[in-house]
Amino acid sequence: MTIEQVLKRAMKTSGGLTRGRGITESVVSRWVLGMPGCSEITQHFETFCGMTYTTIEQHVELRMSRQLRDNKDVDTLLQWLTVHNPMPSNQELMSIATGVGGGNTINSDSAVEVGTTAMKKILGKTFGDIHLHRKDKVLPLSSVSSNPIRSSPLVWSMN
């Protein structure tokens, strides 16, 4: 809102950026870099004169009616989320997009522990003596072909 109300207003006023000259990249950069200094000087002049520049225009988002409507909408959403929990308690990994569950075989959530255990088995051995088993690897959720917990992907309705 600051950019919209300060920079754009100043850009369109008499003597501003878009009045009477071409806009090139160097003109824009000089104008933008000079705005903080001009703003400070203007503020000191207003303080010295005991006057302030204000407009009756108010951003739509700041009006009381809009704030009340937004608060009402937030309350409605919170009430709906309280009744329709979007994150049900489930002990197995599940894809939010497809609803496919991983079961007990998926261990990607404990990849660090699986990797650390495998590294401990390798340390101090020669290459020929290393024997890793399939159980020592991380299985991602993508390795599951189909085991849907739900009949379809997550679909929420605002009933």
N, C-alpha and C. Protein backbone atom coordinates (compact mmCIF):
# COMPACT_ATOMS: atom_id res chain seq x y z
N MET A 1 0.82 -1.19 0.00
CA MET A 1 0.00 0.00 0.00
C MET A 1 0.87 1.25 0.00
N THR A 2 2.04 1.19 0.63
CA THR A 2 2.92 2.35 0.66
C THR A 2 3.37 2.72 -0.74
N ILE A 3 3.77 1.73 -1.52
CA ILE A 3 4.19 2.01 -2.89
C ILE A 3 3.04 2.60 -3.68
N GLU A 4 1.86 2.00 -3.52
CA GLU A 4 0.71 2.47 -4.28
C GLU A 4 0.32 3.89 -3.91
N GLN A 5 0.29 4.19 -2.64
CA GLN A 5 -0.23 5.48 -2.20
C GLN A 5 0.82 6.59 -2.22
N VAL A 6 2.07 6.30 -2.04
CA VAL A 6 3.10 7.34 -2.00
C VAL A 6 3.79 7.50 -3.35
N LEU A 7 4.42 6.43 -3.80
CA LEU A 7 5.18 6.55 -5.04
C LEU A 7 4.30 6.81 -6.25
N LYS A 8 3.22 6.07 -6.39
CA LYS A 8 2.38 6.26 -7.57
C LYS A 8 1.67 7.61 -7.56
N ARG A 9 1.25 8.08 -6.40
CA ARG A 9 0.61 9.39 -6.32
C ARG A 9 1.61 10.47 -6.71
N ALA A 10 2.82 10.38 -6.19
CA ALA A 10 3.83 11.37 -6.52
C ALA A 10 4.25 11.28 -7.98
N MET A 11 4.17 10.08 -8.54
CA MET A 11 4.55 9.89 -9.93
C MET A 11 3.59 10.61 -10.87
N LYS A 12 2.32 10.72 -10.48
CA LYS A 12 1.31 11.27 -11.37
C LYS A 12 0.99 12.74 -11.10
N THR A 13 1.57 13.34 -10.08
CA THR A 13 1.30 14.73 -9.78
C THR A 13 2.05 15.65 -10.73
N SER A 14 1.72 16.91 -10.69
CA SER A 14 2.39 17.89 -11.54
C SER A 14 3.87 17.92 -11.20
N GLY A 15 4.72 17.75 -12.21
CA GLY A 15 6.15 17.68 -11.98
C GLY A 15 6.61 16.30 -11.62
N GLY A 16 5.69 15.35 -11.60
CA GLY A 16 6.05 13.98 -11.26
C GLY A 16 6.70 13.29 -12.44
N LEU A 17 6.84 12.01 -12.34
CA LEU A 17 7.60 11.25 -13.31
C LEU A 17 6.91 11.16 -14.67
N THR A 18 5.59 11.05 -14.68
CA THR A 18 4.90 10.82 -15.95
C THR A 18 4.41 12.10 -16.60
N ARG A 19 4.73 13.27 -16.07
CA ARG A 19 4.27 14.54 -16.64
C ARG A 19 5.39 15.23 -17.40
N GLY A 20 5.31 15.23 -18.72
CA GLY A 20 6.18 16.06 -19.52
C GLY A 20 7.54 15.51 -19.88
N ARG A 21 7.85 14.28 -19.59
CA ARG A 21 9.15 13.74 -20.00
C ARG A 21 9.02 12.25 -20.27
N GLY A 22 9.95 11.75 -21.02
CA GLY A 22 9.95 10.33 -21.33
C GLY A 22 10.46 9.52 -20.15
N ILE A 23 9.95 8.33 -20.03
CA ILE A 23 10.37 7.49 -18.92
C ILE A 23 11.40 6.50 -19.43
N THR A 24 12.63 6.69 -18.99
CA THR A 24 13.69 5.73 -19.29
C THR A 24 14.12 5.09 -17.97
N GLU A 25 14.91 4.06 -18.07
CA GLU A 25 15.35 3.36 -16.86
C GLU A 25 16.14 4.27 -15.93
N SER A 26 16.98 5.12 -16.50
CA SER A 26 17.79 6.01 -15.66
C SER A 26 16.92 7.07 -14.98
N VAL A 27 15.89 7.55 -15.68
CA VAL A 27 14.98 8.54 -15.07
C VAL A 27 14.24 7.90 -13.90
N VAL A 28 13.74 6.69 -14.11
CA VAL A 28 13.00 5.99 -13.04
C VAL A 28 13.91 5.74 -11.84
N SER A 29 15.13 5.28 -12.08
CA SER A 29 16.02 4.97 -10.96
C SER A 29 16.41 6.24 -10.20
N ARG A 30 16.68 7.34 -10.91
CA ARG A 30 16.99 8.60 -10.22
C ARG A 30 15.80 9.08 -9.41
N TRP A 31 14.62 8.96 -9.98
CA TRP A 31 13.41 9.42 -9.29
C TRP A 31 13.15 8.59 -8.04
N VAL A 32 13.25 7.26 -8.16
CA VAL A 32 13.00 6.39 -7.01
C VAL A 32 14.05 6.59 -5.93
N LEU A 33 15.33 6.72 -6.31
CA LEU A 33 16.39 6.93 -5.32
C LEU A 33 16.27 8.29 -4.64
N GLY A 34 15.67 9.28 -5.32
CA GLY A 34 15.51 10.60 -4.73
C GLY A 34 14.28 10.74 -3.85
N MET A 35 13.34 9.79 -3.95
CA MET A 35 12.08 9.89 -3.19
C MET A 35 12.27 9.92 -1.68
N PRO A 36 13.13 9.11 -1.06
CA PRO A 36 13.26 9.20 0.40
C PRO A 36 13.71 10.58 0.87
N GLY A 37 14.66 11.19 0.16
CA GLY A 37 15.11 12.53 0.53
C GLY A 37 14.01 13.56 0.35
N CYS A 38 13.30 13.48 -0.78
CA CYS A 38 12.19 14.42 -1.01
C CYS A 38 11.10 14.24 0.03
N SER A 39 10.82 13.00 0.39
CA SER A 39 9.79 12.73 1.38
C SER A 39 10.16 13.32 2.74
N GLU A 40 11.42 13.19 3.13
CA GLU A 40 11.87 13.73 4.41
C GLU A 40 11.80 15.26 4.41
N ILE A 41 12.23 15.88 3.31
CA ILE A 41 12.16 17.35 3.20
C ILE A 41 10.72 17.81 3.27
N THR A 42 9.83 17.12 2.56
CA THR A 42 8.40 17.48 2.58
C THR A 42 7.84 17.36 3.99
N GLN A 43 8.22 16.31 4.70
CA GLN A 43 7.72 16.11 6.06
C GLN A 43 8.19 17.24 6.98
N HIS A 44 9.43 17.68 6.85
CA HIS A 44 9.94 18.78 7.68
C HIS A 44 9.24 20.09 7.34
N PHE A 45 8.97 20.34 6.05
CA PHE A 45 8.21 21.55 5.67
C PHE A 45 6.81 21.52 6.27
N GLU A 46 6.16 20.37 6.22
CA GLU A 46 4.81 20.26 6.79
C GLU A 46 4.84 20.51 8.29
N THR A 47 5.84 19.97 8.98
CA THR A 47 5.97 20.18 10.43
C THR A 47 6.23 21.66 10.73
N PHE A 48 7.11 22.30 9.96
CA PHE A 48 7.43 23.70 10.15
C PHE A 48 6.19 24.60 9.94
N CYS A 49 5.41 24.28 8.92
CA CYS A 49 4.23 25.09 8.60
C CYS A 49 3.01 24.71 9.43
N GLY A 50 3.08 23.59 10.13
CA GLY A 50 1.94 23.15 10.93
C GLY A 50 0.82 22.60 10.08
N MET A 51 1.15 22.13 8.91
CA MET A 51 0.14 21.60 8.00
C MET A 51 0.57 20.20 7.57
N THR A 52 -0.41 19.39 7.20
CA THR A 52 -0.10 18.07 6.67
C THR A 52 -0.90 17.86 5.40
N TYR A 53 -0.31 17.14 4.48
CA TYR A 53 -0.98 16.80 3.23
C TYR A 53 -1.70 15.48 3.43
N THR A 54 -3.00 15.51 3.33
CA THR A 54 -3.79 14.29 3.41
C THR A 54 -4.82 14.32 2.30
N THR A 55 -5.30 13.18 1.96
CA THR A 55 -6.38 13.08 0.97
C THR A 55 -7.55 12.36 1.61
N ILE A 56 -8.70 12.54 1.03
CA ILE A 56 -9.87 11.84 1.56
C ILE A 56 -9.98 10.44 0.99
N GLU A 57 -9.11 10.13 0.01
CA GLU A 57 -9.10 8.79 -0.55
C GLU A 57 -8.58 7.83 0.51
N GLN A 58 -9.24 6.72 0.62
CA GLN A 58 -8.81 5.71 1.57
C GLN A 58 -8.76 4.38 0.83
N HIS A 59 -7.72 3.62 1.09
CA HIS A 59 -7.60 2.33 0.44
C HIS A 59 -8.78 1.45 0.84
N VAL A 60 -9.34 0.73 -0.12
CA VAL A 60 -10.52 -0.09 0.11
C VAL A 60 -10.32 -1.07 1.26
N GLU A 61 -9.09 -1.62 1.39
CA GLU A 61 -8.82 -2.62 2.42
C GLU A 61 -8.86 -2.03 3.83
N LEU A 62 -8.76 -0.71 3.98
CA LEU A 62 -8.72 -0.11 5.30
C LEU A 62 -10.08 0.35 5.81
N ARG A 63 -11.09 0.28 4.97
CA ARG A 63 -12.42 0.73 5.41
C ARG A 63 -12.98 -0.23 6.44
N MET A 64 -13.73 0.33 7.39
CA MET A 64 -14.28 -0.47 8.49
C MET A 64 -15.21 -1.56 7.98
N SER A 65 -16.01 -1.26 6.96
CA SER A 65 -16.93 -2.27 6.43
C SER A 65 -16.16 -3.47 5.87
N ARG A 66 -15.03 -3.21 5.21
CA ARG A 66 -14.23 -4.29 4.66
C ARG A 66 -13.58 -5.10 5.77
N GLN A 67 -13.10 -4.44 6.81
CA GLN A 67 -12.49 -5.15 7.94
C GLN A 67 -13.51 -6.04 8.64
N LEU A 68 -14.74 -5.53 8.83
CA LEU A 68 -15.78 -6.33 9.47
C LEU A 68 -16.13 -7.55 8.63
N ARG A 69 -16.24 -7.35 7.31
CA ARG A 69 -16.55 -8.47 6.42
C ARG A 69 -15.43 -9.50 6.43
N ASP A 70 -14.17 -9.04 6.42
CA ASP A 70 -13.03 -9.96 6.46
C ASP A 70 -13.02 -10.76 7.77
N ASN A 71 -13.29 -10.09 8.89
CA ASN A 71 -13.33 -10.78 10.19
C ASN A 71 -14.44 -11.82 10.22
N LYS A 72 -15.58 -11.49 9.64
CA LYS A 72 -16.70 -12.44 9.59
C LYS A 72 -16.33 -13.65 8.74
N ASP A 73 -15.64 -13.40 7.61
CA ASP A 73 -15.22 -14.50 6.74
C ASP A 73 -14.20 -15.41 7.43
N VAL A 74 -13.28 -14.82 8.18
CA VAL A 74 -12.29 -15.61 8.92
C VAL A 74 -12.98 -16.47 9.97
N ASP A 75 -13.96 -15.91 10.68
CA ASP A 75 -14.70 -16.68 11.68
C ASP A 75 -15.44 -17.84 11.03
N THR A 76 -16.06 -17.59 9.87
CA THR A 76 -16.78 -18.65 9.17
C THR A 76 -15.83 -19.77 8.77
N LEU A 77 -14.65 -19.41 8.25
CA LEU A 77 -13.66 -20.41 7.85
C LEU A 77 -13.17 -21.20 9.06
N LEU A 78 -12.89 -20.53 10.17
CA LEU A 78 -12.44 -21.23 11.37
C LEU A 78 -13.49 -22.20 11.90
N GLN A 79 -14.76 -21.80 11.86
CA GLN A 79 -15.83 -22.70 12.29
C GLN A 79 -15.90 -23.93 11.39
N TRP A 80 -15.77 -23.72 10.08
CA TRP A 80 -15.82 -24.85 9.15
C TRP A 80 -14.64 -25.78 9.38
N LEU A 81 -13.44 -25.22 9.59
CA LEU A 81 -12.26 -26.04 9.83
C LEU A 81 -12.34 -26.80 11.15
N THR A 82 -13.03 -26.24 12.12
CA THR A 82 -13.22 -26.93 13.39
C THR A 82 -14.06 -28.19 13.20
N VAL A 83 -15.10 -28.10 12.37
CA VAL A 83 -15.98 -29.24 12.12
C VAL A 83 -15.35 -30.22 11.14
N HIS A 84 -14.69 -29.71 10.08
CA HIS A 84 -14.09 -30.54 9.04
C HIS A 84 -12.57 -30.46 9.15
N ASN A 85 -12.00 -31.29 9.97
CA ASN A 85 -10.56 -31.26 10.20
C ASN A 85 -9.82 -31.65 8.93
N PRO A 86 -9.01 -30.74 8.34
CA PRO A 86 -8.30 -31.08 7.11
C PRO A 86 -7.09 -31.98 7.33
N MET A 87 -6.65 -32.11 8.55
CA MET A 87 -5.50 -32.95 8.86
C MET A 87 -5.88 -34.00 9.90
N PRO A 88 -6.54 -35.07 9.45
CA PRO A 88 -6.95 -36.09 10.41
C PRO A 88 -5.74 -36.80 11.02
N SER A 89 -5.91 -37.27 12.24
CA SER A 89 -4.84 -37.98 12.91
C SER A 89 -4.68 -39.36 12.28
N ASN A 90 -3.49 -39.62 11.77
CA ASN A 90 -3.21 -40.88 11.11
C ASN A 90 -1.77 -41.25 11.41
N GLN A 91 -1.53 -42.50 11.74
CA GLN A 91 -0.19 -42.92 12.14
C GLN A 91 0.72 -43.31 10.99
N GLU A 92 0.17 -43.47 9.78
CA GLU A 92 1.02 -43.83 8.65
C GLU A 92 1.14 -42.67 7.69
N LEU A 93 2.24 -42.68 6.92
CA LEU A 93 2.46 -41.63 5.94
C LEU A 93 1.41 -41.73 4.84
N MET A 94 0.95 -40.57 4.37
CA MET A 94 -0.08 -40.56 3.34
C MET A 94 0.18 -39.39 2.40
N SER A 95 -0.03 -39.62 1.12
CA SER A 95 0.09 -38.55 0.12
C SER A 95 -1.16 -37.69 0.18
N ILE A 96 -0.97 -36.40 0.36
CA ILE A 96 -2.12 -35.49 0.41
C ILE A 96 -2.78 -35.41 -0.96
N ALA A 97 -2.00 -35.47 -2.02
CA ALA A 97 -2.53 -35.32 -3.37
C ALA A 97 -3.37 -36.52 -3.82
N THR A 98 -2.90 -37.74 -3.51
CA THR A 98 -3.59 -38.92 -4.04
C THR A 98 -4.36 -39.70 -2.98
N GLY A 99 -4.06 -39.49 -1.72
CA GLY A 99 -4.71 -40.25 -0.67
C GLY A 99 -4.12 -41.63 -0.48
N VAL A 100 -3.02 -41.94 -1.16
CA VAL A 100 -2.38 -43.25 -1.04
C VAL A 100 -1.60 -43.30 0.26
N GLY A 101 -1.84 -44.38 1.03
CA GLY A 101 -1.15 -44.55 2.30
C GLY A 101 0.06 -45.45 2.14
N GLY A 102 1.04 -45.24 2.99
CA GLY A 102 2.29 -45.97 2.87
C GLY A 102 2.34 -47.27 3.64
N GLY A 103 1.52 -47.42 4.63
CA GLY A 103 1.57 -48.63 5.44
C GLY A 103 2.81 -48.65 6.33
N ASN A 104 3.14 -49.82 6.84
CA ASN A 104 4.27 -49.95 7.76
C ASN A 104 5.61 -50.08 7.06
N THR A 105 5.61 -50.34 5.74
CA THR A 105 6.87 -50.56 5.02
C THR A 105 7.57 -49.26 4.65
N ILE A 106 6.86 -48.18 4.53
CA ILE A 106 7.44 -46.90 4.12
C ILE A 106 8.18 -46.30 5.31
N ASN A 107 9.46 -45.95 5.09
CA ASN A 107 10.27 -45.43 6.19
C ASN A 107 11.00 -44.14 5.81
N SER A 108 10.48 -43.41 4.84
CA SER A 108 11.17 -42.19 4.40
C SER A 108 11.17 -41.11 5.48
N ASP A 109 10.27 -41.20 6.43
CA ASP A 109 10.26 -40.23 7.52
C ASP A 109 11.41 -40.46 8.50
N SER A 110 12.02 -41.65 8.45
CA SER A 110 13.17 -41.93 9.33
C SER A 110 14.42 -42.22 8.50
N ALA A 111 14.60 -41.47 7.42
CA ALA A 111 15.73 -41.68 6.50
C ALA A 111 17.07 -41.47 7.20
N VAL A 112 17.15 -40.51 8.09
CA VAL A 112 18.42 -40.23 8.78
C VAL A 112 18.82 -41.43 9.64
N GLU A 113 17.87 -41.98 10.37
CA GLU A 113 18.18 -43.12 11.23
C GLU A 113 18.58 -44.33 10.40
N VAL A 114 17.87 -44.59 9.30
CA VAL A 114 18.19 -45.73 8.43
C VAL A 114 19.58 -45.56 7.84
N GLY A 115 19.90 -44.35 7.38
CA GLY A 115 21.22 -44.07 6.81
C GLY A 115 22.33 -44.21 7.84
N THR A 116 22.09 -43.72 9.05
CA THR A 116 23.08 -43.82 10.12
C THR A 116 23.36 -45.28 10.47
N THR A 117 22.31 -46.08 10.53
CA THR A 117 22.48 -47.51 10.83
C THR A 117 23.28 -48.20 9.73
N ALA A 118 22.98 -47.87 8.48
CA ALA A 118 23.71 -48.47 7.35
C ALA A 118 25.17 -48.04 7.37
N MET A 119 25.45 -46.79 7.70
CA MET A 119 26.83 -46.31 7.76
C MET A 119 27.61 -47.01 8.86
N LYS A 120 26.97 -47.27 9.98
CA LYS A 120 27.66 -47.97 11.08
C LYS A 120 28.05 -49.38 10.67
N LYS A 121 27.22 -50.01 9.81
CA LYS A 121 27.55 -51.36 9.35
C LYS A 121 28.71 -51.35 8.37
N ILE A 122 28.92 -50.23 7.69
CA ILE A 122 29.98 -50.12 6.67
C ILE A 122 31.32 -49.73 7.29
N LEU A 123 31.30 -48.91 8.32
CA LEU A 123 32.55 -48.39 8.91
C LEU A 123 33.48 -49.51 9.36
N GLY A 124 34.74 -49.36 8.98
CA GLY A 124 35.76 -50.30 9.41
C GLY A 124 35.84 -51.56 8.58
N LYS A 125 35.04 -51.71 7.53
CA LYS A 125 35.06 -52.92 6.71
C LYS A 125 35.65 -52.59 5.34
N THR A 126 36.19 -53.61 4.71
CA THR A 126 36.65 -53.43 3.34
C THR A 126 35.45 -53.59 2.40
N PHE A 127 35.64 -53.18 1.16
CA PHE A 127 34.54 -53.20 0.21
C PHE A 127 33.96 -54.60 0.03
N GLY A 128 34.81 -55.60 0.02
CA GLY A 128 34.35 -56.98 -0.17
C GLY A 128 33.58 -57.53 1.02
N ASP A 129 33.78 -56.94 2.19
CA ASP A 129 33.11 -57.44 3.39
C ASP A 129 31.78 -56.75 3.67
N ILE A 130 31.43 -55.75 2.85
CA ILE A 130 30.18 -55.00 3.10
C ILE A 130 29.00 -55.78 2.54
N HIS A 131 28.01 -56.01 3.40
CA HIS A 131 26.78 -56.68 2.99
C HIS A 131 25.61 -55.88 3.54
N LEU A 132 24.91 -55.18 2.63
CA LEU A 132 23.72 -54.45 3.03
C LEU A 132 22.49 -55.20 2.54
N HIS A 133 21.45 -55.17 3.31
CA HIS A 133 20.23 -55.89 2.98
C HIS A 133 19.17 -54.89 2.50
N ARG A 134 18.15 -55.44 1.86
CA ARG A 134 17.07 -54.58 1.37
C ARG A 134 16.36 -53.83 2.50
N LYS A 135 16.34 -54.42 3.65
CA LYS A 135 15.70 -53.76 4.78
C LYS A 135 16.46 -52.51 5.22
N ASP A 136 17.72 -52.36 4.76
CA ASP A 136 18.54 -51.22 5.14
C ASP A 136 18.38 -50.03 4.21
N LYS A 137 17.38 -50.05 3.34
CA LYS A 137 17.21 -48.91 2.44
C LYS A 137 15.93 -48.16 2.76
N VAL A 138 15.91 -46.91 2.35
CA VAL A 138 14.75 -46.04 2.59
C VAL A 138 13.75 -46.25 1.47
N LEU A 139 12.52 -46.51 1.84
CA LEU A 139 11.45 -46.67 0.86
C LEU A 139 10.58 -45.40 0.86
N PRO A 140 10.56 -44.68 -0.26
CA PRO A 140 9.73 -43.48 -0.32
C PRO A 140 8.26 -43.84 -0.55
N LEU A 141 7.40 -42.89 -0.36
CA LEU A 141 5.96 -43.09 -0.55
C LEU A 141 5.64 -43.41 -2.00
N SER A 142 6.49 -42.97 -2.93
CA SER A 142 6.26 -43.25 -4.35
C SER A 142 6.44 -44.73 -4.70
N SER A 143 7.04 -45.51 -3.81
CA SER A 143 7.23 -46.93 -4.08
C SER A 143 5.94 -47.73 -3.87
N VAL A 144 4.93 -47.13 -3.31
CA VAL A 144 3.65 -47.80 -3.10
C VAL A 144 2.82 -47.63 -4.36
N SER A 145 2.33 -48.75 -4.91
CA SER A 145 1.55 -48.66 -6.14
C SER A 145 0.14 -48.17 -5.85
N SER A 146 -0.56 -48.82 -4.96
CA SER A 146 -1.89 -48.33 -4.59
C SER A 146 -2.31 -48.95 -3.28
N ASN A 147 -2.71 -48.12 -2.39
CA ASN A 147 -3.25 -48.51 -1.11
C ASN A 147 -4.03 -47.32 -0.60
N PRO A 148 -5.08 -46.93 -1.30
CA PRO A 148 -5.76 -45.70 -0.91
C PRO A 148 -6.46 -45.83 0.42
N ILE A 149 -6.19 -44.86 1.26
CA ILE A 149 -6.88 -44.79 2.54
C ILE A 149 -8.29 -44.28 2.30
N ARG A 150 -8.40 -43.36 1.35
CA ARG A 150 -9.70 -42.79 0.99
C ARG A 150 -10.05 -43.32 -0.40
N SER A 151 -11.29 -43.19 -0.77
CA SER A 151 -11.69 -43.65 -2.09
C SER A 151 -11.25 -42.70 -3.17
N SER A 152 -10.94 -41.46 -2.82
CA SER A 152 -10.49 -40.47 -3.80
C SER A 152 -9.55 -39.50 -3.12
N PRO A 153 -8.86 -38.64 -3.91
CA PRO A 153 -8.01 -37.64 -3.30
C PRO A 153 -8.81 -36.72 -2.38
N LEU A 154 -8.07 -35.98 -1.55
CA LEU A 154 -8.74 -35.08 -0.62
C LEU A 154 -9.57 -34.06 -1.38
N VAL A 155 -10.85 -34.06 -1.14
CA VAL A 155 -11.74 -33.07 -1.76
C VAL A 155 -12.57 -32.50 -0.63
N TRP A 156 -12.47 -31.20 -0.47
CA TRP A 156 -13.21 -30.53 0.59
C TRP A 156 -14.38 -29.82 -0.02
N SER A 157 -15.49 -29.87 0.64
CA SER A 157 -16.64 -29.08 0.19
C SER A 157 -17.04 -28.14 1.29
N MET A 158 -17.48 -26.98 0.92
CA MET A 158 -17.87 -25.95 1.89
C MET A 158 -19.35 -26.06 2.20
N ASN A 159 -19.80 -27.22 2.67
CA ASN A 159 -21.21 -27.40 3.02
C ASN A 159 -21.48 -26.89 4.41
